[in-house]
């Protein structure tokens, strides 16, 4: 039982690892999955490991002749990796139970690997889903509530017409009722448009639900991704701000659909004591394949530096909202983001 399930778990982990490597092109998830595979082998006591080959009886194993139709059917790569993770988790449970008889301390290590596999399976699935849902999202614009309802609707309509991909409503000054009213105006404007950008609510999953937003964005000091998901409806996007590679990695494991990375440059919109800058963008681009938006002080003059750092998505506020001609600025940014370095 140990030998068969160690093989089963290792094989499943190899499938998942190769999926992260070749399908997702995600260095972080590839390495995290590889580490589980290595720790699995290291967790088996040497005396038990040496006896595994001697106990193997493949030719007389009755299980080799048993199969179900479902085992022979896969619809796509996502189906393949989901089946692989299920196989890993089931095998780890068998290994854990068997080790309780012969090496109880090792059983505890396997239990922790099983829990880790649940996290990585979720991260793989959400990364793949998010990449598909946000595949065309390049320009993400953060807006306030405006001077009045009319000014707000006019600004929203101009951004929609100009072709922004994501609009986030962010205003910490308004009372809840007025903020919800602005959010509902934004929802109606998007619903009436031919080309509909995603609507993200900043920091307020409760208002995001009431306004029928497409998602909510939280910061490092606000609700966690997990807490936000307890409030929002299923399938709603959850994004999170990150200011270091460690926070970006954790966001992936927490199940964020996308991350904001920054601040990249000094911004007139928000004050920061520390600027991870382009170095953070390079680190994230090298490790993480989840949708990631560079944010903080990005302008038409420095956006090519962002592209050169490996990012093709940006989140803007002042560069658009403070522009004399926001629609023209949107067009210029979209052109820049669709130009290869």
C-alpha atoms as a PDB file:
ATOM      1  CA  UNK A   1       0.000   0.000   0.000  1.00  0.00           C
ATOM      2  CA  UNK A   2       2.828   2.401   0.819  1.00  0.00           C
ATOM      3  CA  UNK A   3       4.720   1.640  -2.364  1.00  0.00           C
ATOM      4  CA  UNK A   4       1.674   1.961  -4.630  1.00  0.00           C
ATOM      5  CA  UNK A   5       0.543   5.224  -3.078  1.00  0.00           C
ATOM      6  CA  UNK A   6       4.007   6.766  -2.964  1.00  0.00           C
ATOM      7  CA  UNK A   7       4.234   6.108  -6.683  1.00  0.00           C
ATOM      8  CA  UNK A   8       0.721   7.437  -7.227  1.00  0.00           C
ATOM      9  CA  UNK A   9       1.416  10.636  -5.283  1.00  0.00           C
ATOM     10  CA  UNK A  10       4.779  11.240  -6.965  1.00  0.00           C
ATOM     11  CA  UNK A  11       3.275  10.687 -10.413  1.00  0.00           C
ATOM     12  CA  UNK A  12       0.404  13.065  -9.693  1.00  0.00           C
ATOM     13  CA  UNK A  13       2.796  15.696  -8.383  1.00  0.00           C
ATOM     14  CA  UNK A  14       4.916  15.374 -11.514  1.00  0.00           C
ATOM     15  CA  UNK A  15       1.824  15.991 -13.670  1.00  0.00           C
ATOM     16  CA  UNK A  16       0.921  19.050 -11.583  1.00  0.00           C
ATOM     17  CA  UNK A  17       4.506  20.316 -11.635  1.00  0.00           C
ATOM     18  CA  UNK A  18       4.751  20.015 -15.407  1.00  0.00           C
ATOM     19  CA  UNK A  19       1.397  21.748 -15.786  1.00  0.00           C
ATOM     20  CA  UNK A  20       2.662  24.700 -13.713  1.00  0.00           C
ATOM     21  CA  UNK A  21       5.908  24.686 -15.681  1.00  0.00           C
ATOM     22  CA  UNK A  22       4.721  24.256 -19.262  1.00  0.00           C
ATOM     23  CA  UNK A  23       1.048  25.324 -19.287  1.00  0.00           C
ATOM     24  CA  UNK A  24       1.090  28.133 -16.718  1.00  0.00           C
ATOM     25  CA  UNK A  25       4.774  29.046 -17.160  1.00  0.00           C
ATOM     26  CA  UNK A  26       4.698  29.830 -13.448  1.00  0.00           C
ATOM     27  CA  UNK A  27       8.053  29.526 -11.690  1.00  0.00           C
ATOM     28  CA  UNK A  28       6.622  29.988  -8.190  1.00  0.00           C
ATOM     29  CA  UNK A  29       3.951  27.279  -8.450  1.00  0.00           C
ATOM     30  CA  UNK A  30       6.354  24.958 -10.274  1.00  0.00           C
ATOM     31  CA  UNK A  31       8.887  25.234  -7.476  1.00  0.00           C
ATOM     32  CA  UNK A  32       6.238  24.944  -4.741  1.00  0.00           C
ATOM     33  CA  UNK A  33       4.904  21.727  -6.295  1.00  0.00           C
ATOM     34  CA  UNK A  34       8.413  20.349  -6.787  1.00  0.00           C
ATOM     35  CA  UNK A  35       9.177  20.993  -3.121  1.00  0.00           C
ATOM     36  CA  UNK A  36       6.163  18.896  -2.079  1.00  0.00           C
ATOM     37  CA  UNK A  37       7.365  16.051  -4.299  1.00  0.00           C
ATOM     38  CA  UNK A  38      10.857  16.152  -2.785  1.00  0.00           C
ATOM     39  CA  UNK A  39       9.582  16.442   0.775  1.00  0.00           C
ATOM     40  CA  UNK A  40       7.332  13.430   0.178  1.00  0.00           C
ATOM     41  CA  UNK A  41      10.334  11.217  -0.569  1.00  0.00           C
ATOM     42  CA  UNK A  42      12.355  12.697   2.305  1.00  0.00           C
ATOM     43  CA  UNK A  43       9.506  12.033   4.761  1.00  0.00           C
ATOM     44  CA  UNK A  44       9.700   8.259   4.361  1.00  0.00           C
ATOM     45  CA  UNK A  45      12.051   6.663   6.926  1.00  0.00           C
ATOM     46  CA  UNK A  46      15.134   5.044   5.331  1.00  0.00           C
ATOM     47  CA  UNK A  47      14.348   1.526   6.542  1.00  0.00           C
ATOM     48  CA  UNK A  48      10.852   1.677   5.056  1.00  0.00           C
ATOM     49  CA  UNK A  49      12.085   3.235   1.809  1.00  0.00           C
ATOM     50  CA  UNK A  50      14.620   0.436   1.344  1.00  0.00           C
ATOM     51  CA  UNK A  51      11.894  -2.200   1.667  1.00  0.00           C
ATOM     52  CA  UNK A  52       9.531  -0.676  -0.901  1.00  0.00           C
ATOM     53  CA  UNK A  53      11.076  -2.207  -4.004  1.00  0.00           C
ATOM     54  CA  UNK A  54      11.137  -5.646  -2.376  1.00  0.00           C
ATOM     55  CA  UNK A  55       7.434  -5.402  -1.609  1.00  0.00           C
ATOM     56  CA  UNK A  56       6.410  -4.388  -5.144  1.00  0.00           C
ATOM     57  CA  UNK A  57       4.257  -7.001  -6.926  1.00  0.00           C
ATOM     58  CA  UNK A  58       2.972  -5.255 -10.047  1.00  0.00           C
ATOM     59  CA  UNK A  59       2.398  -8.414 -12.127  1.00  0.00           C
ATOM     60  CA  UNK A  60       0.187 -10.017  -9.500  1.00  0.00           C
ATOM     61  CA  UNK A  61      -1.564  -6.853  -8.366  1.00  0.00           C
ATOM     62  CA  UNK A  62      -5.305  -7.262  -8.989  1.00  0.00           C
ATOM     63  CA  UNK A  63      -5.716  -3.485  -9.111  1.00  0.00           C
ATOM     64  CA  UNK A  64      -3.821  -3.146 -12.411  1.00  0.00           C
ATOM     65  CA  UNK A  65      -6.720  -4.767 -14.259  1.00  0.00           C
ATOM     66  CA  UNK A  66      -9.378  -2.514 -12.756  1.00  0.00           C
ATOM     67  CA  UNK A  67     -10.314   0.819 -14.331  1.00  0.00           C
ATOM     68  CA  UNK A  68     -13.327   3.074 -14.860  1.00  0.00           C
ATOM     69  CA  UNK A  69     -14.422   4.953 -18.007  1.00  0.00           C
ATOM     70  CA  UNK A  70     -13.718   8.255 -16.285  1.00  0.00           C
ATOM     71  CA  UNK A  71     -10.032   7.423 -15.917  1.00  0.00           C
ATOM     72  CA  UNK A  72      -9.661   7.333 -19.696  1.00  0.00           C
ATOM     73  CA  UNK A  73     -11.434  10.639 -20.372  1.00  0.00           C
ATOM     74  CA  UNK A  74      -9.967  14.146 -20.051  1.00  0.00           C
ATOM     75  CA  UNK A  75     -11.476  17.277 -21.583  1.00  0.00           C
ATOM     76  CA  UNK A  76      -8.565  19.726 -21.311  1.00  0.00           C
ATOM     77  CA  UNK A  77      -5.380  20.498 -19.392  1.00  0.00           C
ATOM     78  CA  UNK A  78      -7.333  21.902 -16.446  1.00  0.00           C
ATOM     79  CA  UNK A  79      -9.172  18.578 -16.183  1.00  0.00           C
ATOM     80  CA  UNK A  80      -5.853  16.719 -16.281  1.00  0.00           C
ATOM     81  CA  UNK A  81      -4.278  18.727 -13.477  1.00  0.00           C
ATOM     82  CA  UNK A  82      -7.433  18.591 -11.332  1.00  0.00           C
ATOM     83  CA  UNK A  83      -7.434  14.796 -11.619  1.00  0.00           C
ATOM     84  CA  UNK A  84      -3.719  14.757 -10.775  1.00  0.00           C
ATOM     85  CA  UNK A  85      -4.228  16.797  -7.609  1.00  0.00           C
ATOM     86  CA  UNK A  86      -7.129  14.552  -6.545  1.00  0.00           C
ATOM     87  CA  UNK A  87      -4.884  11.532  -7.033  1.00  0.00           C
ATOM     88  CA  UNK A  88      -2.129  13.156  -4.972  1.00  0.00           C
ATOM     89  CA  UNK A  89      -4.439  13.981  -2.079  1.00  0.00           C
ATOM     90  CA  UNK A  90      -6.011  10.527  -1.955  1.00  0.00           C
ATOM     91  CA  UNK A  91      -2.608   8.849  -2.091  1.00  0.00           C
ATOM     92  CA  UNK A  92      -1.214  11.083   0.654  1.00  0.00           C
ATOM     93  CA  UNK A  93      -4.101  10.101   2.901  1.00  0.00           C
ATOM     94  CA  UNK A  94      -3.362   6.405   2.414  1.00  0.00           C
ATOM     95  CA  UNK A  95       0.355   6.972   3.057  1.00  0.00           C
ATOM     96  CA  UNK A  96      -0.448   8.951   6.193  1.00  0.00           C
ATOM     97  CA  UNK A  97      -2.713   6.234   7.580  1.00  0.00           C
ATOM     98  CA  UNK A  98      -0.220   3.437   6.847  1.00  0.00           C
ATOM     99  CA  UNK A  99       2.646   5.337   8.440  1.00  0.00           C
ATOM    100  CA  UNK A 100       0.629   5.678  11.636  1.00  0.00           C
ATOM    101  CA  UNK A 101       1.246   1.933  12.087  1.00  0.00           C
ATOM    102  CA  UNK A 102       4.969   1.838  11.341  1.00  0.00           C
ATOM    103  CA  UNK A 103       6.344   5.398  11.692  1.00  0.00           C
ATOM    104  CA  UNK A 104       3.912   7.758  13.460  1.00  0.00           C
ATOM    105  CA  UNK A 105       6.182  10.857  13.343  1.00  0.00           C
ATOM    106  CA  UNK A 106       6.443  10.540   9.565  1.00  0.00           C
ATOM    107  CA  UNK A 107       2.643  10.411   9.317  1.00  0.00           C
ATOM    108  CA  UNK A 108       2.521  13.952  10.696  1.00  0.00           C
ATOM    109  CA  UNK A 109       4.847  15.182   7.945  1.00  0.00           C
ATOM    110  CA  UNK A 110       2.635  13.594   5.294  1.00  0.00           C
ATOM    111  CA  UNK A 111      -0.437  15.221   6.833  1.00  0.00           C
ATOM    112  CA  UNK A 112       1.176  18.639   6.398  1.00  0.00           C
ATOM    113  CA  UNK A 113       2.047  17.825   2.778  1.00  0.00           C
ATOM    114  CA  UNK A 114      -1.586  16.870   2.190  1.00  0.00           C
ATOM    115  CA  UNK A 115      -2.733  20.232   3.521  1.00  0.00           C
ATOM    116  CA  UNK A 116      -0.134  21.953   1.328  1.00  0.00           C
ATOM    117  CA  UNK A 117      -1.466  20.075  -1.693  1.00  0.00           C
ATOM    118  CA  UNK A 118      -4.955  21.486  -1.087  1.00  0.00           C
ATOM    119  CA  UNK A 119      -3.525  25.013  -1.156  1.00  0.00           C
ATOM    120  CA  UNK A 120      -1.491  24.419  -4.320  1.00  0.00           C
ATOM    121  CA  UNK A 121      -4.384  22.740  -6.126  1.00  0.00           C
ATOM    122  CA  UNK A 122      -6.542  25.786  -5.406  1.00  0.00           C
ATOM    123  CA  UNK A 123      -3.778  28.157  -6.495  1.00  0.00           C
ATOM    124  CA  UNK A 124      -3.308  26.300  -9.787  1.00  0.00           C
ATOM    125  CA  UNK A 125      -7.028  26.355 -10.555  1.00  0.00           C
ATOM    126  CA  UNK A 126      -7.513  30.027  -9.667  1.00  0.00           C
ATOM    127  CA  UNK A 127      -4.394  31.087 -11.566  1.00  0.00           C
ATOM    128  CA  UNK A 128      -5.600  29.341 -14.720  1.00  0.00           C
ATOM    129  CA  UNK A 129      -9.142  30.700 -14.370  1.00  0.00           C
ATOM    130  CA  UNK A 130      -7.938  34.245 -13.657  1.00  0.00           C
ATOM    131  CA  UNK A 131      -5.583  34.284 -16.617  1.00  0.00           C
ATOM    132  CA  UNK A 132      -8.510  33.401 -18.874  1.00  0.00           C
ATOM    133  CA  UNK A 133     -10.957  35.888 -17.314  1.00  0.00           C
ATOM    134  CA  UNK A 134      -8.439  38.743 -17.376  1.00  0.00           C
ATOM    135  CA  UNK A 135      -6.645  37.772 -20.576  1.00  0.00           C
ATOM    136  CA  UNK A 136      -7.544  41.022 -22.355  1.00  0.00           C
ATOM    137  CA  UNK A 137      -7.331  43.324 -19.312  1.00  0.00           C
ATOM    138  CA  UNK A 138      -4.415  45.723 -19.758  1.00  0.00           C
ATOM    139  CA  UNK A 139      -5.571  49.133 -18.544  1.00  0.00           C
ATOM    140  CA  UNK A 140      -7.050  49.389 -15.043  1.00  0.00           C
ATOM    141  CA  UNK A 141      -8.243  52.844 -13.934  1.00  0.00           C
ATOM    142  CA  UNK A 142      -9.036  53.892 -10.370  1.00  0.00           C
ATOM    143  CA  UNK A 143     -11.600  56.669 -10.026  1.00  0.00           C
ATOM    144  CA  UNK A 144     -13.121  58.681  -7.189  1.00  0.00           C
ATOM    145  CA  UNK A 145     -16.736  59.722  -6.708  1.00  0.00           C
ATOM    146  CA  UNK A 146     -16.457  62.999  -8.619  1.00  0.00           C
ATOM    147  CA  UNK A 147     -17.758  66.442  -7.725  1.00  0.00           C
ATOM    148  CA  UNK A 148     -21.348  65.414  -8.368  1.00  0.00           C
ATOM    149  CA  UNK A 149     -23.409  62.554  -9.754  1.00  0.00           C
ATOM    150  CA  UNK A 150     -23.444  64.183 -13.184  1.00  0.00           C
ATOM    151  CA  UNK A 151     -19.678  64.700 -13.196  1.00  0.00           C
ATOM    152  CA  UNK A 152     -19.165  61.124 -12.040  1.00  0.00           C
ATOM    153  CA  UNK A 153     -21.390  59.630 -14.745  1.00  0.00           C
ATOM    154  CA  UNK A 154     -19.740  61.800 -17.383  1.00  0.00           C
ATOM    155  CA  UNK A 155     -16.280  60.636 -16.302  1.00  0.00           C
ATOM    156  CA  UNK A 156     -17.332  56.997 -16.201  1.00  0.00           C
ATOM    157  CA  UNK A 157     -18.911  57.188 -19.633  1.00  0.00           C
ATOM    158  CA  UNK A 158     -15.817  58.775 -21.148  1.00  0.00           C
ATOM    159  CA  UNK A 159     -13.603  56.022 -19.739  1.00  0.00           C
ATOM    160  CA  UNK A 160     -15.922  53.282 -20.984  1.00  0.00           C
ATOM    161  CA  UNK A 161     -16.088  54.845 -24.441  1.00  0.00           C
ATOM    162  CA  UNK A 162     -12.308  55.239 -24.508  1.00  0.00           C
ATOM    163  CA  UNK A 163     -11.846  51.493 -23.967  1.00  0.00           C
ATOM    164  CA  UNK A 164     -10.532  50.974 -20.420  1.00  0.00           C
ATOM    165  CA  UNK A 165     -10.538  47.324 -19.362  1.00  0.00           C
ATOM    166  CA  UNK A 166     -11.135  47.651 -15.619  1.00  0.00           C
ATOM    167  CA  UNK A 167     -12.658  50.472 -13.547  1.00  0.00           C
ATOM    168  CA  UNK A 168     -12.187  50.547  -9.784  1.00  0.00           C
ATOM    169  CA  UNK A 169     -14.298  52.812  -7.613  1.00  0.00           C
ATOM    170  CA  UNK A 170     -12.173  54.054  -4.732  1.00  0.00           C
ATOM    171  CA  UNK A 171     -13.281  56.821  -2.393  1.00  0.00           C
ATOM    172  CA  UNK A 172     -12.625  56.685   1.341  1.00  0.00           C
ATOM    173  CA  UNK A 173     -14.263  60.060   2.036  1.00  0.00           C
ATOM    174  CA  UNK A 174     -17.880  59.245   1.223  1.00  0.00           C
ATOM    175  CA  UNK A 175     -20.430  57.829   3.610  1.00  0.00           C
ATOM    176  CA  UNK A 176     -21.594  54.306   2.805  1.00  0.00           C
ATOM    177  CA  UNK A 177     -24.940  55.296   1.318  1.00  0.00           C
ATOM    178  CA  UNK A 178     -23.474  57.815  -1.113  1.00  0.00           C
ATOM    179  CA  UNK A 179     -20.648  55.459  -2.063  1.00  0.00           C
ATOM    180  CA  UNK A 180     -23.171  52.722  -2.827  1.00  0.00           C
ATOM    181  CA  UNK A 181     -25.190  55.134  -4.961  1.00  0.00           C
ATOM    182  CA  UNK A 182     -22.057  55.969  -6.983  1.00  0.00           C
ATOM    183  CA  UNK A 183     -21.305  52.272  -7.351  1.00  0.00           C
ATOM    184  CA  UNK A 184     -24.803  51.600  -8.640  1.00  0.00           C
ATOM    185  CA  UNK A 185     -24.442  54.433 -11.158  1.00  0.00           C
ATOM    186  CA  UNK A 186     -21.199  52.847 -12.359  1.00  0.00           C
ATOM    187  CA  UNK A 187     -22.882  49.460 -12.669  1.00  0.00           C
ATOM    188  CA  UNK A 188     -25.720  50.880 -14.746  1.00  0.00           C
ATOM    189  CA  UNK A 189     -23.342  52.749 -17.036  1.00  0.00           C
ATOM    190  CA  UNK A 190     -21.311  49.596 -17.665  1.00  0.00           C
ATOM    191  CA  UNK A 191     -24.431  47.478 -18.247  1.00  0.00           C
ATOM    192  CA  UNK A 192     -25.630  49.938 -20.870  1.00  0.00           C
ATOM    193  CA  UNK A 193     -22.342  49.939 -22.774  1.00  0.00           C
ATOM    194  CA  UNK A 194     -21.540  47.834 -25.817  1.00  0.00           C
ATOM    195  CA  UNK A 195     -18.026  47.091 -24.572  1.00  0.00           C
ATOM    196  CA  UNK A 196     -18.184  46.415 -20.844  1.00  0.00           C
ATOM    197  CA  UNK A 197     -15.133  46.880 -18.630  1.00  0.00           C
ATOM    198  CA  UNK A 198     -14.880  45.018 -15.355  1.00  0.00           C
ATOM    199  CA  UNK A 199     -16.129  46.898 -12.306  1.00  0.00           C
ATOM    200  CA  UNK A 200     -14.051  46.512  -9.144  1.00  0.00           C
ATOM    201  CA  UNK A 201     -15.016  47.955  -5.765  1.00  0.00           C
ATOM    202  CA  UNK A 202     -12.168  49.048  -3.541  1.00  0.00           C
ATOM    203  CA  UNK A 203     -11.945  47.700  -0.006  1.00  0.00           C
ATOM    204  CA  UNK A 204     -15.688  47.026   0.458  1.00  0.00           C
ATOM    205  CA  UNK A 205     -16.846  43.497  -0.389  1.00  0.00           C
ATOM    206  CA  UNK A 206     -20.243  44.252   1.145  1.00  0.00           C
ATOM    207  CA  UNK A 207     -20.877  47.190  -1.189  1.00  0.00           C
ATOM    208  CA  UNK A 208     -19.401  45.213  -4.086  1.00  0.00           C
ATOM    209  CA  UNK A 209     -22.153  42.639  -3.608  1.00  0.00           C
ATOM    210  CA  UNK A 210     -24.900  45.249  -3.295  1.00  0.00           C
ATOM    211  CA  UNK A 211     -23.705  47.091  -6.403  1.00  0.00           C
ATOM    212  CA  UNK A 212     -23.230  43.873  -8.409  1.00  0.00           C
ATOM    213  CA  UNK A 213     -19.572  44.618  -9.005  1.00  0.00           C
ATOM    214  CA  UNK A 214     -17.389  42.110 -10.839  1.00  0.00           C
ATOM    215  CA  UNK A 215     -14.937  42.071  -7.969  1.00  0.00           C
ATOM    216  CA  UNK A 216     -13.373  43.686  -4.949  1.00  0.00           C
ATOM    217  CA  UNK A 217      -9.835  44.888  -4.273  1.00  0.00           C
ATOM    218  CA  UNK A 218      -8.229  44.768  -0.828  1.00  0.00           C
ATOM    219  CA  UNK A 219      -4.940  46.048   0.541  1.00  0.00           C
ATOM    220  CA  UNK A 220      -2.433  44.610   2.973  1.00  0.00           C
ATOM    221  CA  UNK A 221      -4.085  46.487   5.853  1.00  0.00           C
ATOM    222  CA  UNK A 222      -7.677  45.734   4.882  1.00  0.00           C
ATOM    223  CA  UNK A 223      -9.604  42.456   4.857  1.00  0.00           C
ATOM    224  CA  UNK A 224      -7.669  39.414   3.745  1.00  0.00           C
ATOM    225  CA  UNK A 225      -8.477  37.593   0.508  1.00  0.00           C
ATOM    226  CA  UNK A 226     -10.001  34.805   2.591  1.00  0.00           C
ATOM    227  CA  UNK A 227     -12.201  37.209   4.565  1.00  0.00           C
ATOM    228  CA  UNK A 228     -13.327  39.012   1.417  1.00  0.00           C
ATOM    229  CA  UNK A 229     -14.368  35.700  -0.136  1.00  0.00           C
ATOM    230  CA  UNK A 230     -16.609  35.005   2.866  1.00  0.00           C
ATOM    231  CA  UNK A 231     -18.650  38.060   1.879  1.00  0.00           C
ATOM    232  CA  UNK A 232     -18.638  38.227  -1.919  1.00  0.00           C
ATOM    233  CA  UNK A 233     -20.711  35.990  -4.140  1.00  0.00           C
ATOM    234  CA  UNK A 234     -19.120  32.989  -5.879  1.00  0.00           C
ATOM    235  CA  UNK A 235     -17.136  33.757  -9.011  1.00  0.00           C
ATOM    236  CA  UNK A 236     -16.483  37.371  -7.961  1.00  0.00           C
ATOM    237  CA  UNK A 237     -12.920  38.528  -8.554  1.00  0.00           C
ATOM    238  CA  UNK A 238     -10.736  39.338  -5.549  1.00  0.00           C
ATOM    239  CA  UNK A 239      -7.586  41.380  -6.081  1.00  0.00           C
ATOM    240  CA  UNK A 240      -4.956  42.396  -3.547  1.00  0.00           C
ATOM    241  CA  UNK A 241      -2.202  45.009  -3.345  1.00  0.00           C
ATOM    242  CA  UNK A 242       1.331  43.675  -2.871  1.00  0.00           C
ATOM    243  CA  UNK A 243       4.519  45.524  -2.058  1.00  0.00           C
ATOM    244  CA  UNK A 244       7.060  42.693  -1.978  1.00  0.00           C
ATOM    245  CA  UNK A 245       7.687  39.384  -3.707  1.00  0.00           C
ATOM    246  CA  UNK A 246       6.753  37.591  -0.486  1.00  0.00           C
ATOM    247  CA  UNK A 247       3.344  39.294  -0.444  1.00  0.00           C
ATOM    248  CA  UNK A 248       2.856  38.452  -4.123  1.00  0.00           C
ATOM    249  CA  UNK A 249       3.610  34.771  -3.501  1.00  0.00           C
ATOM    250  CA  UNK A 250       1.235  34.721  -0.543  1.00  0.00           C
ATOM    251  CA  UNK A 251      -1.510  36.353  -2.619  1.00  0.00           C
ATOM    252  CA  UNK A 252      -1.275  33.467  -5.094  1.00  0.00           C
ATOM    253  CA  UNK A 253      -1.523  30.899  -2.297  1.00  0.00           C
ATOM    254  CA  UNK A 254      -4.422  32.828  -0.742  1.00  0.00           C
ATOM    255  CA  UNK A 255      -6.346  32.530  -4.000  1.00  0.00           C
ATOM    256  CA  UNK A 256      -6.282  36.115  -5.278  1.00  0.00           C
ATOM    257  CA  UNK A 257      -7.443  36.461  -8.869  1.00  0.00           C
ATOM    258  CA  UNK A 258      -4.972  39.237  -9.570  1.00  0.00           C
ATOM    259  CA  UNK A 259      -2.396  41.360  -7.777  1.00  0.00           C
ATOM    260  CA  UNK A 260      -1.450  45.006  -7.846  1.00  0.00           C
ATOM    261  CA  UNK A 261       2.333  45.483  -7.591  1.00  0.00           C
ATOM    262  CA  UNK A 262       3.897  48.684  -6.397  1.00  0.00           C
ATOM    263  CA  UNK A 263       4.288  51.462  -5.847  1.00  0.00           C
ATOM    264  CA  UNK A 264       6.453  51.531  -8.946  1.00  0.00           C
ATOM    265  CA  UNK A 265       7.187  55.258  -9.020  1.00  0.00           C
ATOM    266  CA  UNK A 266       6.394  58.149  -6.707  1.00  0.00           C
ATOM    267  CA  UNK A 267       2.731  59.030  -6.944  1.00  0.00           C
ATOM    268  CA  UNK A 268       0.795  62.215  -6.347  1.00  0.00           C
ATOM    269  CA  UNK A 269      -2.278  60.180  -5.437  1.00  0.00           C
ATOM    270  CA  UNK A 270      -1.049  58.165  -2.461  1.00  0.00           C
ATOM    271  CA  UNK A 271       1.896  58.528  -0.065  1.00  0.00           C
ATOM    272  CA  UNK A 272       4.334  55.656   0.512  1.00  0.00           C
ATOM    273  CA  UNK A 273       7.456  55.493   2.640  1.00  0.00           C
ATOM    274  CA  UNK A 274       8.941  52.657   0.593  1.00  0.00           C
ATOM    275  CA  UNK A 275       9.088  52.145  -3.173  1.00  0.00           C
ATOM    276  CA  UNK A 276       9.800  48.575  -4.308  1.00  0.00           C
ATOM    277  CA  UNK A 277       9.855  50.040  -7.813  1.00  0.00           C
ATOM    278  CA  UNK A 278      10.819  48.219 -10.976  1.00  0.00           C
ATOM    279  CA  UNK A 279      12.748  45.572  -9.033  1.00  0.00           C
ATOM    280  CA  UNK A 280       9.487  44.189  -7.660  1.00  0.00           C
ATOM    281  CA  UNK A 281       7.991  44.095 -11.147  1.00  0.00           C
ATOM    282  CA  UNK A 282      10.969  42.121 -12.437  1.00  0.00           C
ATOM    283  CA  UNK A 283      10.714  39.661  -9.550  1.00  0.00           C
ATOM    284  CA  UNK A 284       6.989  39.112 -10.043  1.00  0.00           C
ATOM    285  CA  UNK A 285       7.317  38.811 -13.827  1.00  0.00           C
ATOM    286  CA  UNK A 286      10.006  36.151 -13.364  1.00  0.00           C
ATOM    287  CA  UNK A 287       8.036  34.051 -10.867  1.00  0.00           C
ATOM    288  CA  UNK A 288       4.300  34.567 -11.084  1.00  0.00           C
ATOM    289  CA  UNK A 289       1.902  34.095 -13.979  1.00  0.00           C
ATOM    290  CA  UNK A 290      -1.272  35.304 -12.246  1.00  0.00           C
ATOM    291  CA  UNK A 291      -2.561  38.587 -13.723  1.00  0.00           C
ATOM    292  CA  UNK A 292      -0.494  41.396 -12.189  1.00  0.00           C
ATOM    293  CA  UNK A 293      -0.912  45.138 -12.609  1.00  0.00           C
ATOM    294  CA  UNK A 294       1.904  47.607 -11.987  1.00  0.00           C
ATOM    295  CA  UNK A 295       0.673  50.580 -10.001  1.00  0.00           C
ATOM    296  CA  UNK A 296       2.032  53.823  -8.601  1.00  0.00           C
ATOM    297  CA  UNK A 297       3.123  56.928 -10.482  1.00  0.00           C
ATOM    298  CA  UNK A 298       2.966  55.365 -13.942  1.00  0.00           C
ATOM    299  CA  UNK A 299       2.876  57.880 -16.796  1.00  0.00           C
ATOM    300  CA  UNK A 300       3.255  57.851 -20.554  1.00  0.00           C
ATOM    301  CA  UNK A 301       6.852  58.942 -19.992  1.00  0.00           C
ATOM    302  CA  UNK A 302       7.806  55.927 -17.852  1.00  0.00           C
ATOM    303  CA  UNK A 303       5.387  53.200 -18.979  1.00  0.00           C
ATOM    304  CA  UNK A 304       8.019  51.724 -21.319  1.00  0.00           C
ATOM    305  CA  UNK A 305      10.141  50.977 -18.236  1.00  0.00           C
ATOM    306  CA  UNK A 306       7.210  48.987 -16.876  1.00  0.00           C
ATOM    307  CA  UNK A 307       6.940  47.048 -20.123  1.00  0.00           C
ATOM    308  CA  UNK A 308      10.683  46.408 -20.129  1.00  0.00           C
ATOM    309  CA  UNK A 309      10.373  44.991 -16.587  1.00  0.00           C
ATOM    310  CA  UNK A 310       8.040  42.293 -17.938  1.00  0.00           C
ATOM    311  CA  UNK A 311       4.629  43.805 -17.183  1.00  0.00           C
ATOM    312  CA  UNK A 312       1.927  44.369 -19.778  1.00  0.00           C
ATOM    313  CA  UNK A 313      -0.784  45.557 -17.358  1.00  0.00           C
ATOM    314  CA  UNK A 314      -0.952  48.834 -15.463  1.00  0.00           C
ATOM    315  CA  UNK A 315      -3.297  50.418 -12.928  1.00  0.00           C
ATOM    316  CA  UNK A 316      -3.617  54.202 -13.118  1.00  0.00           C
ATOM    317  CA  UNK A 317      -5.342  57.019 -11.343  1.00  0.00           C
ATOM    318  CA  UNK A 318      -3.796  60.473 -11.658  1.00  0.00           C
ATOM    319  CA  UNK A 319      -2.363  59.879 -15.128  1.00  0.00           C
ATOM    320  CA  UNK A 320      -5.922  59.492 -16.430  1.00  0.00           C
ATOM    321  CA  UNK A 321      -8.201  61.325 -14.004  1.00  0.00           C
ATOM    322  CA  UNK A 322      -6.013  64.450 -13.798  1.00  0.00           C
ATOM    323  CA  UNK A 323      -5.544  64.607 -17.540  1.00  0.00           C
ATOM    324  CA  UNK A 324      -7.103  67.477 -19.482  1.00  0.00           C
ATOM    325  CA  UNK A 325      -8.275  64.881 -22.014  1.00  0.00           C
ATOM    326  CA  UNK A 326      -8.775  61.545 -20.209  1.00  0.00           C
ATOM    327  CA  UNK A 327     -10.027  59.752 -23.322  1.00  0.00           C
ATOM    328  CA  UNK A 328      -6.907  60.727 -25.272  1.00  0.00           C
ATOM    329  CA  UNK A 329      -4.728  59.567 -22.371  1.00  0.00           C
ATOM    330  CA  UNK A 330      -6.536  56.221 -22.286  1.00  0.00           C
ATOM    331  CA  UNK A 331      -5.947  55.795 -26.016  1.00  0.00           C
ATOM    332  CA  UNK A 332      -2.252  56.643 -25.644  1.00  0.00           C
ATOM    333  CA  UNK A 333      -1.792  54.157 -22.807  1.00  0.00           C
ATOM    334  CA  UNK A 334      -3.605  51.402 -24.676  1.00  0.00           C
ATOM    335  CA  UNK A 335      -1.358  51.986 -27.676  1.00  0.00           C
ATOM    336  CA  UNK A 336       1.737  51.835 -25.459  1.00  0.00           C
ATOM    337  CA  UNK A 337       0.608  48.666 -23.688  1.00  0.00           C
ATOM    338  CA  UNK A 338      -0.047  46.898 -26.969  1.00  0.00           C
ATOM    339  CA  UNK A 339       3.368  47.821 -28.333  1.00  0.00           C
ATOM    340  CA  UNK A 340       6.037  45.182 -27.854  1.00  0.00           C
ATOM    341  CA  UNK A 341       9.349  46.248 -26.382  1.00  0.00           C
END
